[in-house]
Amino acid sequence: MTIVGFNFTSINAERKEPVKGKININNNVAIKDVEERDLNLGSNKQKSLKFKFEFTSKYDPNVGSIILIGDVLFIEEAKKIKEILDGWKKDKKLPKEITGSILNTILGKCNVQALILSEQVNLPPPIPLPKVQVGTEK
């Protein structure tokens, strides 16, 4: 199992009103679709899967949002690709070992991008940032 590509196809950050008071930030990631692709590697064709995803950060009350849409390209043996695709077509589920790897890749890239976008549109960071605690010496 190897992830060989990651692309954003849509990036949207919006601040609707000034940020005041307590803000709740809800982050969510979802795999929206899985498609089979032929990947040309030199003179060889390799079966691959394209996982389409959507990452969202919603700010409540409704002060803004960040929506990132894209895809992850994944290569594996042809037999395993068929099993994964058949499972997805049947009940929109993926094997746990693949789900973890795909979602961790998506979250790693999207959290960084969402952090950059939140700063550019003056929204609070969608993920908690480390803070320095200064204590008094005894």
N, C-alpha and C. Protein backbone atom coordinates (compact mmCIF):
# COMPACT_ATOMS: atom_id res chain seq x y z
N MET A 1 0.85 -1.17 0.00
CA MET A 1 0.00 0.00 0.00
C MET A 1 0.89 1.23 0.00
N THR A 2 0.72 2.07 -1.01
CA THR A 2 1.54 3.27 -1.12
C THR A 2 0.70 4.44 -1.61
N ILE A 3 0.83 5.56 -0.91
CA ILE A 3 0.19 6.80 -1.35
C ILE A 3 1.20 7.50 -2.26
N VAL A 4 0.78 7.79 -3.49
CA VAL A 4 1.70 8.37 -4.47
C VAL A 4 1.32 9.78 -4.92
N GLY A 5 0.19 10.27 -4.46
CA GLY A 5 -0.22 11.61 -4.89
C GLY A 5 -1.24 12.22 -3.95
N PHE A 6 -1.22 13.56 -3.90
CA PHE A 6 -2.18 14.31 -3.10
C PHE A 6 -2.41 15.62 -3.82
N ASN A 7 -3.68 15.98 -4.04
CA ASN A 7 -4.03 17.22 -4.73
C ASN A 7 -5.22 17.89 -4.07
N PHE A 8 -5.15 19.22 -4.00
CA PHE A 8 -6.34 20.00 -3.66
C PHE A 8 -6.99 20.38 -4.98
N THR A 9 -8.33 20.25 -5.05
CA THR A 9 -9.05 20.67 -6.26
C THR A 9 -9.91 21.90 -5.98
N SER A 10 -10.16 22.19 -4.68
CA SER A 10 -10.93 23.38 -4.31
C SER A 10 -10.49 23.81 -2.91
N ILE A 11 -10.22 25.11 -2.77
CA ILE A 11 -9.83 25.68 -1.49
C ILE A 11 -10.71 26.90 -1.26
N ASN A 12 -11.45 26.90 -0.12
CA ASN A 12 -12.36 28.01 0.16
C ASN A 12 -12.25 28.37 1.64
N ALA A 13 -11.91 29.63 1.92
CA ALA A 13 -11.89 30.14 3.29
C ALA A 13 -12.71 31.42 3.32
N GLU A 14 -13.62 31.50 4.29
CA GLU A 14 -14.52 32.65 4.35
C GLU A 14 -14.73 33.08 5.79
N ARG A 15 -14.59 34.39 6.03
CA ARG A 15 -14.96 34.99 7.33
C ARG A 15 -16.16 35.87 7.05
N LYS A 16 -17.29 35.56 7.69
CA LYS A 16 -18.54 36.25 7.41
C LYS A 16 -18.72 37.50 8.27
N GLU A 17 -18.19 37.47 9.49
CA GLU A 17 -18.33 38.62 10.40
C GLU A 17 -17.16 38.59 11.38
N PRO A 18 -16.93 39.70 12.09
CA PRO A 18 -15.83 39.72 13.05
C PRO A 18 -15.99 38.65 14.13
N VAL A 19 -14.85 38.11 14.54
CA VAL A 19 -14.86 37.06 15.56
C VAL A 19 -14.96 37.72 16.94
N LYS A 20 -16.01 37.38 17.70
CA LYS A 20 -16.23 37.93 19.04
C LYS A 20 -16.70 36.81 19.96
N GLY A 21 -16.27 36.87 21.21
CA GLY A 21 -16.75 35.90 22.20
C GLY A 21 -16.24 34.50 21.96
N LYS A 22 -16.95 33.54 22.51
CA LYS A 22 -16.54 32.14 22.42
C LYS A 22 -16.92 31.57 21.06
N ILE A 23 -15.92 30.95 20.45
CA ILE A 23 -16.12 30.33 19.13
C ILE A 23 -15.88 28.82 19.26
N ASN A 24 -16.79 28.04 18.74
CA ASN A 24 -16.59 26.59 18.64
C ASN A 24 -16.18 26.26 17.21
N ILE A 25 -15.14 25.44 17.09
CA ILE A 25 -14.66 25.05 15.76
C ILE A 25 -14.85 23.55 15.62
N ASN A 26 -15.60 23.16 14.60
CA ASN A 26 -15.85 21.75 14.31
C ASN A 26 -15.13 21.36 13.03
N ASN A 27 -14.16 20.44 13.16
CA ASN A 27 -13.42 19.94 12.00
C ASN A 27 -13.98 18.58 11.61
N ASN A 28 -14.06 18.33 10.32
CA ASN A 28 -14.57 17.05 9.83
C ASN A 28 -13.86 16.70 8.53
N VAL A 29 -13.60 15.43 8.34
CA VAL A 29 -13.06 14.96 7.06
C VAL A 29 -13.89 13.77 6.62
N ALA A 30 -14.18 13.71 5.33
CA ALA A 30 -14.99 12.62 4.79
C ALA A 30 -14.45 12.20 3.43
N ILE A 31 -14.43 10.89 3.21
CA ILE A 31 -14.11 10.38 1.88
C ILE A 31 -15.43 10.34 1.12
N LYS A 32 -15.47 11.09 0.02
CA LYS A 32 -16.72 11.25 -0.74
C LYS A 32 -16.89 10.21 -1.84
N ASP A 33 -15.76 9.75 -2.42
CA ASP A 33 -15.86 8.79 -3.52
C ASP A 33 -14.53 8.09 -3.70
N VAL A 34 -14.57 6.92 -4.32
CA VAL A 34 -13.37 6.17 -4.65
C VAL A 34 -13.50 5.73 -6.11
N GLU A 35 -12.45 6.01 -6.91
CA GLU A 35 -12.45 5.65 -8.33
C GLU A 35 -11.18 4.88 -8.66
N GLU A 36 -11.31 3.95 -9.60
CA GLU A 36 -10.14 3.24 -10.10
C GLU A 36 -9.49 4.06 -11.21
N ARG A 37 -8.17 4.08 -11.23
CA ARG A 37 -7.41 4.81 -12.24
C ARG A 37 -6.27 3.93 -12.74
N ASP A 38 -5.90 4.10 -14.01
CA ASP A 38 -4.67 3.50 -14.53
C ASP A 38 -3.59 4.55 -14.45
N LEU A 39 -2.49 4.19 -13.81
CA LEU A 39 -1.38 5.10 -13.63
C LEU A 39 -0.25 4.62 -14.53
N ASN A 40 0.25 5.48 -15.41
CA ASN A 40 1.35 5.11 -16.29
C ASN A 40 2.68 5.37 -15.61
N LEU A 41 3.41 4.29 -15.33
CA LEU A 41 4.74 4.39 -14.74
C LEU A 41 5.74 3.88 -15.77
N GLY A 42 6.33 4.81 -16.51
CA GLY A 42 7.20 4.42 -17.62
C GLY A 42 6.37 3.72 -18.67
N SER A 43 6.77 2.50 -19.04
CA SER A 43 6.01 1.75 -20.04
C SER A 43 4.98 0.82 -19.39
N ASN A 44 4.93 0.83 -18.07
CA ASN A 44 3.99 -0.04 -17.34
C ASN A 44 2.75 0.73 -16.92
N LYS A 45 1.63 0.01 -16.88
CA LYS A 45 0.40 0.57 -16.31
C LYS A 45 0.20 -0.04 -14.94
N GLN A 46 -0.09 0.80 -13.97
CA GLN A 46 -0.32 0.36 -12.59
C GLN A 46 -1.74 0.73 -12.21
N LYS A 47 -2.47 -0.22 -11.65
CA LYS A 47 -3.82 0.09 -11.14
C LYS A 47 -3.68 0.94 -9.89
N SER A 48 -4.54 1.93 -9.77
CA SER A 48 -4.52 2.79 -8.59
C SER A 48 -5.94 3.18 -8.22
N LEU A 49 -6.08 3.74 -7.03
CA LEU A 49 -7.37 4.26 -6.57
C LEU A 49 -7.23 5.73 -6.27
N LYS A 50 -8.25 6.49 -6.63
CA LYS A 50 -8.31 7.91 -6.29
C LYS A 50 -9.41 8.07 -5.25
N PHE A 51 -9.00 8.52 -4.05
CA PHE A 51 -9.94 8.77 -2.96
C PHE A 51 -10.26 10.26 -2.95
N LYS A 52 -11.51 10.62 -3.23
CA LYS A 52 -11.92 12.02 -3.21
C LYS A 52 -12.39 12.36 -1.80
N PHE A 53 -11.92 13.51 -1.27
CA PHE A 53 -12.24 13.87 0.10
C PHE A 53 -12.73 15.30 0.22
N GLU A 54 -13.34 15.58 1.38
CA GLU A 54 -13.73 16.93 1.75
C GLU A 54 -13.37 17.15 3.22
N PHE A 55 -12.62 18.20 3.48
CA PHE A 55 -12.23 18.60 4.83
C PHE A 55 -12.93 19.92 5.13
N THR A 56 -13.59 20.00 6.29
CA THR A 56 -14.28 21.25 6.64
C THR A 56 -13.93 21.67 8.07
N SER A 57 -13.81 22.98 8.24
CA SER A 57 -13.72 23.61 9.56
C SER A 57 -14.86 24.61 9.61
N LYS A 58 -15.83 24.36 10.49
CA LYS A 58 -16.98 25.25 10.65
C LYS A 58 -16.82 26.01 11.97
N TYR A 59 -17.02 27.31 11.90
CA TYR A 59 -16.90 28.18 13.07
C TYR A 59 -18.29 28.57 13.53
N ASP A 60 -18.64 28.22 14.80
CA ASP A 60 -19.94 28.55 15.37
C ASP A 60 -19.77 29.50 16.53
N PRO A 61 -20.58 30.55 16.67
CA PRO A 61 -21.66 30.93 15.75
C PRO A 61 -21.10 31.20 14.35
N ASN A 62 -21.96 31.30 13.41
CA ASN A 62 -21.62 31.30 11.99
C ASN A 62 -20.73 32.48 11.57
N VAL A 63 -19.45 32.45 11.98
CA VAL A 63 -18.53 33.54 11.63
C VAL A 63 -17.64 33.19 10.44
N GLY A 64 -17.57 31.92 10.08
CA GLY A 64 -16.74 31.57 8.93
C GLY A 64 -16.62 30.08 8.73
N SER A 65 -15.88 29.72 7.67
CA SER A 65 -15.65 28.31 7.38
C SER A 65 -14.44 28.16 6.47
N ILE A 66 -13.88 26.97 6.52
CA ILE A 66 -12.79 26.58 5.61
C ILE A 66 -13.20 25.24 5.01
N ILE A 67 -13.20 25.16 3.69
CA ILE A 67 -13.56 23.91 3.01
C ILE A 67 -12.45 23.58 2.02
N LEU A 68 -11.88 22.39 2.17
CA LEU A 68 -10.82 21.91 1.28
C LEU A 68 -11.30 20.62 0.63
N ILE A 69 -11.23 20.58 -0.70
CA ILE A 69 -11.65 19.39 -1.45
C ILE A 69 -10.46 18.93 -2.27
N GLY A 70 -10.28 17.62 -2.36
CA GLY A 70 -9.16 17.12 -3.14
C GLY A 70 -9.20 15.62 -3.28
N ASP A 71 -8.04 15.05 -3.64
CA ASP A 71 -7.96 13.61 -3.79
C ASP A 71 -6.58 13.08 -3.42
N VAL A 72 -6.58 11.82 -3.04
CA VAL A 72 -5.37 11.09 -2.70
C VAL A 72 -5.27 9.93 -3.67
N LEU A 73 -4.08 9.75 -4.26
CA LEU A 73 -3.83 8.66 -5.21
C LEU A 73 -3.05 7.56 -4.50
N PHE A 74 -3.51 6.33 -4.66
CA PHE A 74 -3.04 5.20 -3.86
C PHE A 74 -2.79 4.02 -4.79
N ILE A 75 -1.62 3.38 -4.70
CA ILE A 75 -1.37 2.19 -5.52
C ILE A 75 -1.27 0.95 -4.64
N GLU A 76 -1.68 -0.16 -5.23
CA GLU A 76 -1.71 -1.44 -4.52
C GLU A 76 -1.81 -2.52 -5.58
N GLU A 77 -1.70 -3.76 -5.17
CA GLU A 77 -1.87 -4.88 -6.11
C GLU A 77 -3.28 -4.83 -6.72
N ALA A 78 -3.39 -5.28 -7.98
CA ALA A 78 -4.67 -5.22 -8.70
C ALA A 78 -5.78 -5.96 -7.94
N LYS A 79 -5.47 -7.11 -7.33
CA LYS A 79 -6.47 -7.88 -6.61
C LYS A 79 -7.01 -7.08 -5.41
N LYS A 80 -6.12 -6.46 -4.68
CA LYS A 80 -6.52 -5.67 -3.50
C LYS A 80 -7.32 -4.43 -3.92
N ILE A 81 -6.92 -3.81 -5.04
CA ILE A 81 -7.65 -2.65 -5.57
C ILE A 81 -9.10 -3.05 -5.86
N LYS A 82 -9.27 -4.21 -6.49
CA LYS A 82 -10.63 -4.67 -6.81
C LYS A 82 -11.44 -4.90 -5.54
N GLU A 83 -10.84 -5.52 -4.51
CA GLU A 83 -11.54 -5.76 -3.23
C GLU A 83 -11.98 -4.44 -2.59
N ILE A 84 -11.07 -3.48 -2.57
CA ILE A 84 -11.38 -2.18 -1.96
C ILE A 84 -12.52 -1.50 -2.71
N LEU A 85 -12.41 -1.48 -4.04
CA LEU A 85 -13.42 -0.83 -4.87
C LEU A 85 -14.78 -1.52 -4.75
N ASP A 86 -14.79 -2.85 -4.74
CA ASP A 86 -16.05 -3.59 -4.59
C ASP A 86 -16.70 -3.28 -3.24
N GLY A 87 -15.90 -3.23 -2.17
CA GLY A 87 -16.43 -2.89 -0.85
C GLY A 87 -17.01 -1.49 -0.81
N TRP A 88 -16.34 -0.55 -1.48
CA TRP A 88 -16.83 0.83 -1.52
C TRP A 88 -18.15 0.92 -2.28
N LYS A 89 -18.22 0.24 -3.44
CA LYS A 89 -19.43 0.29 -4.25
C LYS A 89 -20.61 -0.36 -3.53
N LYS A 90 -20.31 -1.40 -2.74
CA LYS A 90 -21.38 -2.13 -2.05
C LYS A 90 -21.97 -1.32 -0.90
N ASP A 91 -21.13 -0.82 0.02
CA ASP A 91 -21.68 -0.16 1.21
C ASP A 91 -20.91 1.08 1.66
N LYS A 92 -20.12 1.68 0.75
CA LYS A 92 -19.38 2.92 1.04
C LYS A 92 -18.45 2.77 2.24
N LYS A 93 -17.86 1.57 2.41
CA LYS A 93 -16.92 1.33 3.50
C LYS A 93 -15.57 0.91 2.92
N LEU A 94 -14.53 1.23 3.71
CA LEU A 94 -13.17 0.87 3.34
C LEU A 94 -12.55 0.03 4.45
N PRO A 95 -11.57 -0.82 4.12
CA PRO A 95 -10.88 -1.58 5.17
C PRO A 95 -10.20 -0.62 6.16
N LYS A 96 -10.20 -1.01 7.45
CA LYS A 96 -9.67 -0.13 8.50
C LYS A 96 -8.23 0.30 8.26
N GLU A 97 -7.38 -0.65 7.83
CA GLU A 97 -5.95 -0.30 7.65
C GLU A 97 -5.76 0.74 6.55
N ILE A 98 -6.59 0.74 5.56
CA ILE A 98 -6.49 1.72 4.47
C ILE A 98 -7.12 3.04 4.91
N THR A 99 -8.26 2.97 5.59
CA THR A 99 -8.94 4.18 6.05
C THR A 99 -8.01 5.01 6.92
N GLY A 100 -7.33 4.38 7.87
CA GLY A 100 -6.42 5.10 8.76
C GLY A 100 -5.32 5.81 8.01
N SER A 101 -4.69 5.12 7.09
CA SER A 101 -3.59 5.69 6.32
C SER A 101 -4.05 6.86 5.44
N ILE A 102 -5.17 6.68 4.76
CA ILE A 102 -5.70 7.72 3.88
C ILE A 102 -6.12 8.95 4.71
N LEU A 103 -6.88 8.73 5.78
CA LEU A 103 -7.35 9.86 6.59
C LEU A 103 -6.20 10.59 7.28
N ASN A 104 -5.18 9.87 7.74
CA ASN A 104 -4.03 10.54 8.36
C ASN A 104 -3.27 11.40 7.36
N THR A 105 -3.15 10.94 6.13
CA THR A 105 -2.52 11.75 5.07
C THR A 105 -3.35 13.01 4.81
N ILE A 106 -4.66 12.84 4.67
CA ILE A 106 -5.55 13.98 4.41
C ILE A 106 -5.46 14.98 5.57
N LEU A 107 -5.57 14.50 6.81
CA LEU A 107 -5.54 15.40 7.96
C LEU A 107 -4.21 16.13 8.08
N GLY A 108 -3.12 15.43 7.82
CA GLY A 108 -1.81 16.08 7.89
C GLY A 108 -1.70 17.25 6.94
N LYS A 109 -2.11 17.07 5.70
CA LYS A 109 -2.03 18.14 4.70
C LYS A 109 -3.08 19.22 4.93
N CYS A 110 -4.30 18.81 5.25
CA CYS A 110 -5.40 19.77 5.40
C CYS A 110 -5.25 20.64 6.65
N ASN A 111 -4.79 20.07 7.75
CA ASN A 111 -4.61 20.88 8.95
C ASN A 111 -3.61 22.00 8.72
N VAL A 112 -2.53 21.72 8.01
CA VAL A 112 -1.53 22.76 7.70
C VAL A 112 -2.15 23.82 6.80
N GLN A 113 -2.85 23.40 5.76
CA GLN A 113 -3.46 24.35 4.82
C GLN A 113 -4.54 25.18 5.52
N ALA A 114 -5.36 24.54 6.36
CA ALA A 114 -6.42 25.26 7.08
C ALA A 114 -5.82 26.27 8.05
N LEU A 115 -4.70 25.94 8.66
CA LEU A 115 -4.03 26.87 9.57
C LEU A 115 -3.57 28.12 8.82
N ILE A 116 -2.98 27.94 7.66
CA ILE A 116 -2.51 29.06 6.83
C ILE A 116 -3.71 29.91 6.39
N LEU A 117 -4.77 29.26 5.92
CA LEU A 117 -5.95 29.99 5.44
C LEU A 117 -6.64 30.76 6.57
N SER A 118 -6.71 30.15 7.76
CA SER A 118 -7.37 30.83 8.88
C SER A 118 -6.63 32.13 9.21
N GLU A 119 -5.32 32.11 9.13
CA GLU A 119 -4.55 33.32 9.40
C GLU A 119 -4.82 34.39 8.33
N GLN A 120 -4.94 33.97 7.09
CA GLN A 120 -5.13 34.92 5.99
C GLN A 120 -6.48 35.61 6.02
N VAL A 121 -7.51 34.95 6.57
CA VAL A 121 -8.84 35.58 6.62
C VAL A 121 -9.23 35.99 8.04
N ASN A 122 -8.25 35.99 8.95
CA ASN A 122 -8.46 36.43 10.34
C ASN A 122 -9.50 35.62 11.09
N LEU A 123 -9.39 34.30 10.99
CA LEU A 123 -10.19 33.39 11.81
C LEU A 123 -9.25 32.73 12.83
N PRO A 124 -9.77 32.29 13.97
CA PRO A 124 -8.92 31.57 14.92
C PRO A 124 -8.39 30.28 14.27
N PRO A 125 -7.22 29.81 14.69
CA PRO A 125 -6.69 28.56 14.11
C PRO A 125 -7.66 27.40 14.34
N PRO A 126 -7.86 26.56 13.34
CA PRO A 126 -8.82 25.45 13.48
C PRO A 126 -8.29 24.30 14.32
N ILE A 127 -7.00 24.31 14.62
CA ILE A 127 -6.42 23.28 15.49
C ILE A 127 -5.74 23.97 16.66
N PRO A 128 -5.73 23.35 17.84
CA PRO A 128 -5.09 24.00 18.98
C PRO A 128 -3.58 24.12 18.76
N LEU A 129 -3.05 25.29 19.04
CA LEU A 129 -1.62 25.51 18.91
C LEU A 129 -0.97 25.42 20.29
N PRO A 130 0.30 24.99 20.34
CA PRO A 130 0.97 24.92 21.64
C PRO A 130 1.09 26.32 22.25
N LYS A 131 0.99 26.38 23.56
CA LYS A 131 1.12 27.65 24.28
C LYS A 131 2.19 27.50 25.34
N VAL A 132 2.91 28.57 25.58
CA VAL A 132 3.94 28.59 26.61
C VAL A 132 3.27 28.93 27.94
N GLN A 133 3.58 28.16 28.97
CA GLN A 133 3.09 28.44 30.32
C GLN A 133 4.28 28.98 31.12
N VAL A 134 4.19 30.21 31.54
CA VAL A 134 5.25 30.81 32.32
C VAL A 134 4.88 30.70 33.79
N GLY A 135 5.70 29.99 34.56
CA GLY A 135 5.44 29.81 35.98
C GLY A 135 6.35 30.71 36.80
N THR A 136 6.04 30.83 38.07
CA THR A 136 6.90 31.63 38.95
C THR A 136 7.91 30.72 39.60
N GLU A 137 9.14 31.23 39.79
CA GLU A 137 10.19 30.44 40.44
C GLU A 137 9.98 30.47 41.94
N LYS A 138 10.33 29.36 42.58
CA LYS A 138 10.15 29.28 44.03
C LYS A 138 11.49 29.47 44.71
